[in-house]
Amino acid sequence: MTTPSLILGYSILIALALRKLWFSVLICMLWGAWALHLLLDQIGNEPLITAQKIGCIGSTVPYILIGSALCTAMLCIIFIYRRP
């Protein structure tokens, strides 16, 4: 995994620990920007080159879907258990 992916992954854990809605929304927006960057890089370059850069052998679609699922789960958990 690349450095931005690791930072965003750990930031999800921090957001779950803090249970702050706006911090979680910010993390989701950053994940979206990172996924958009990967998608545009894949469109502009050969998909295999992009996948190898982020540490995957295959397509970046599963990586983007897993990131989206993590953000969705994080927001659902925050909505249920958030602090005032």
C-alpha atoms as a PDB file:
ATOM      1  CA  MET A   1       0.000   0.000   0.000  1.00  0.00           C
ATOM      2  CA  THR A   2       1.109   3.522  -0.637  1.00  0.00           C
ATOM      3  CA  THR A   3       1.579   6.225   1.965  1.00  0.00           C
ATOM      4  CA  PRO A   4      -1.728   8.063   1.255  1.00  0.00           C
ATOM      5  CA  SER A   5      -3.606   4.777   1.528  1.00  0.00           C
ATOM      6  CA  LEU A   6      -2.013   3.971   4.874  1.00  0.00           C
ATOM      7  CA  ILE A   7      -2.663   7.467   6.223  1.00  0.00           C
ATOM      8  CA  LEU A   8      -6.309   7.298   5.142  1.00  0.00           C
ATOM      9  CA  GLY A   9      -6.651   3.805   6.600  1.00  0.00           C
ATOM     10  CA  TYR A  10      -5.338   4.896   9.983  1.00  0.00           C
ATOM     11  CA  SER A  11      -7.461   8.040   9.848  1.00  0.00           C
ATOM     12  CA  ILE A  12     -10.554   5.812   9.650  1.00  0.00           C
ATOM     13  CA  LEU A  13      -9.500   4.238  12.947  1.00  0.00           C
ATOM     14  CA  ILE A  14      -8.986   7.691  14.464  1.00  0.00           C
ATOM     15  CA  ALA A  15     -12.394   8.829  13.202  1.00  0.00           C
ATOM     16  CA  LEU A  16     -14.043   5.793  14.753  1.00  0.00           C
ATOM     17  CA  ALA A  17     -12.279   6.458  18.047  1.00  0.00           C
ATOM     18  CA  LEU A  18     -13.253  10.141  18.103  1.00  0.00           C
ATOM     19  CA  ARG A  19     -16.790   9.535  16.771  1.00  0.00           C
ATOM     20  CA  LYS A  20     -16.952  13.011  15.266  1.00  0.00           C
ATOM     21  CA  LEU A  21     -19.240  13.289  12.251  1.00  0.00           C
ATOM     22  CA  TRP A  22     -17.428  16.116  10.457  1.00  0.00           C
ATOM     23  CA  PHE A  23     -14.053  14.419  10.803  1.00  0.00           C
ATOM     24  CA  SER A  24     -15.555  11.271   9.298  1.00  0.00           C
ATOM     25  CA  VAL A  25     -17.057  13.232   6.418  1.00  0.00           C
ATOM     26  CA  LEU A  26     -13.658  14.837   5.791  1.00  0.00           C
ATOM     27  CA  ILE A  27     -12.009  11.410   5.695  1.00  0.00           C
ATOM     28  CA  CYS A  28     -14.637  10.186   3.221  1.00  0.00           C
ATOM     29  CA  MET A  29     -13.997  13.207   1.007  1.00  0.00           C
ATOM     30  CA  LEU A  30     -10.254  12.500   1.104  1.00  0.00           C
ATOM     31  CA  TRP A  31     -10.877   8.849   0.213  1.00  0.00           C
ATOM     32  CA  GLY A  32     -13.033  10.042  -2.686  1.00  0.00           C
ATOM     33  CA  ALA A  33     -10.306  12.373  -3.907  1.00  0.00           C
ATOM     34  CA  TRP A  34      -7.736   9.556  -3.689  1.00  0.00           C
ATOM     35  CA  ALA A  35     -10.062   7.183  -5.566  1.00  0.00           C
ATOM     36  CA  LEU A  36     -10.663   9.841  -8.236  1.00  0.00           C
ATOM     37  CA  HIS A  37      -6.913  10.303  -8.592  1.00  0.00           C
ATOM     38  CA  LEU A  38      -6.467   6.551  -9.050  1.00  0.00           C
ATOM     39  CA  LEU A  39      -9.309   6.379 -11.553  1.00  0.00           C
ATOM     40  CA  LEU A  40      -8.015   9.279 -13.629  1.00  0.00           C
ATOM     41  CA  ASP A  41      -4.519   7.835 -13.496  1.00  0.00           C
ATOM     42  CA  GLN A  42      -5.902   4.519 -14.714  1.00  0.00           C
ATOM     43  CA  ILE A  43      -7.739   6.201 -17.587  1.00  0.00           C
ATOM     44  CA  GLY A  44      -4.648   8.157 -18.623  1.00  0.00           C
ATOM     45  CA  ASN A  45      -2.180   5.280 -18.262  1.00  0.00           C
ATOM     46  CA  GLU A  46      -2.122   1.559 -18.719  1.00  0.00           C
ATOM     47  CA  PRO A  47      -4.242   0.006 -15.917  1.00  0.00           C
ATOM     48  CA  LEU A  48      -1.551  -2.544 -15.074  1.00  0.00           C
ATOM     49  CA  ILE A  49       1.009   0.214 -14.454  1.00  0.00           C
ATOM     50  CA  THR A  50      -1.401   2.034 -12.141  1.00  0.00           C
ATOM     51  CA  ALA A  51      -2.217  -1.178 -10.263  1.00  0.00           C
ATOM     52  CA  GLN A  52       1.449  -1.969  -9.802  1.00  0.00           C
ATOM     53  CA  LYS A  53       2.092   1.526  -8.447  1.00  0.00           C
ATOM     54  CA  ILE A  54      -0.475   1.117  -5.654  1.00  0.00           C
ATOM     55  CA  GLY A  55       0.661  -2.407  -4.831  1.00  0.00           C
ATOM     56  CA  CYS A  56      -2.028  -4.405  -6.632  1.00  0.00           C
ATOM     57  CA  ILE A  57      -1.505  -6.814  -9.450  1.00  0.00           C
ATOM     58  CA  GLY A  58      -5.016  -6.511 -10.814  1.00  0.00           C
ATOM     59  CA  SER A  59      -7.405  -3.680 -11.449  1.00  0.00           C
ATOM     60  CA  THR A  60      -7.873  -0.747  -9.069  1.00  0.00           C
ATOM     61  CA  VAL A  61     -11.657  -1.255  -9.003  1.00  0.00           C
ATOM     62  CA  PRO A  62     -11.622  -3.656  -5.990  1.00  0.00           C
ATOM     63  CA  TYR A  63      -9.378  -1.214  -4.129  1.00  0.00           C
ATOM     64  CA  ILE A  64     -11.825   1.632  -4.782  1.00  0.00           C
ATOM     65  CA  LEU A  65     -14.811  -0.533  -3.806  1.00  0.00           C
ATOM     66  CA  ILE A  66     -13.169  -1.592  -0.536  1.00  0.00           C
ATOM     67  CA  GLY A  67     -12.387   2.054   0.280  1.00  0.00           C
ATOM     68  CA  SER A  68     -15.994   3.011  -0.449  1.00  0.00           C
ATOM     69  CA  ALA A  69     -17.291   0.187   1.723  1.00  0.00           C
ATOM     70  CA  LEU A  70     -15.013   1.260   4.594  1.00  0.00           C
ATOM     71  CA  CYS A  71     -16.232   4.859   4.337  1.00  0.00           C
ATOM     72  CA  THR A  72     -19.867   3.766   4.251  1.00  0.00           C
ATOM     73  CA  ALA A  73     -19.404   1.510   7.266  1.00  0.00           C
ATOM     74  CA  MET A  74     -17.543   4.246   9.135  1.00  0.00           C
ATOM     75  CA  LEU A  75     -20.324   6.781   8.534  1.00  0.00           C
ATOM     76  CA  CYS A  76     -23.002   4.290   9.582  1.00  0.00           C
ATOM     77  CA  ILE A  77     -21.152   3.522  12.804  1.00  0.00           C
ATOM     78  CA  ILE A  78     -20.612   7.235  13.489  1.00  0.00           C
ATOM     79  CA  PHE A  79     -24.305   8.002  12.915  1.00  0.00           C
ATOM     80  CA  ILE A  80     -25.323   5.303  15.371  1.00  0.00           C
ATOM     81  CA  TYR A  81     -22.725   5.897  18.114  1.00  0.00           C
ATOM     82  CA  ARG A  82     -21.658   9.513  17.724  1.00  0.00           C
ATOM     83  CA  ARG A  83     -21.036  11.801  20.673  1.00  0.00           C
ATOM     84  CA  PRO A  84     -22.931  15.077  20.907  1.00  0.00           C
END
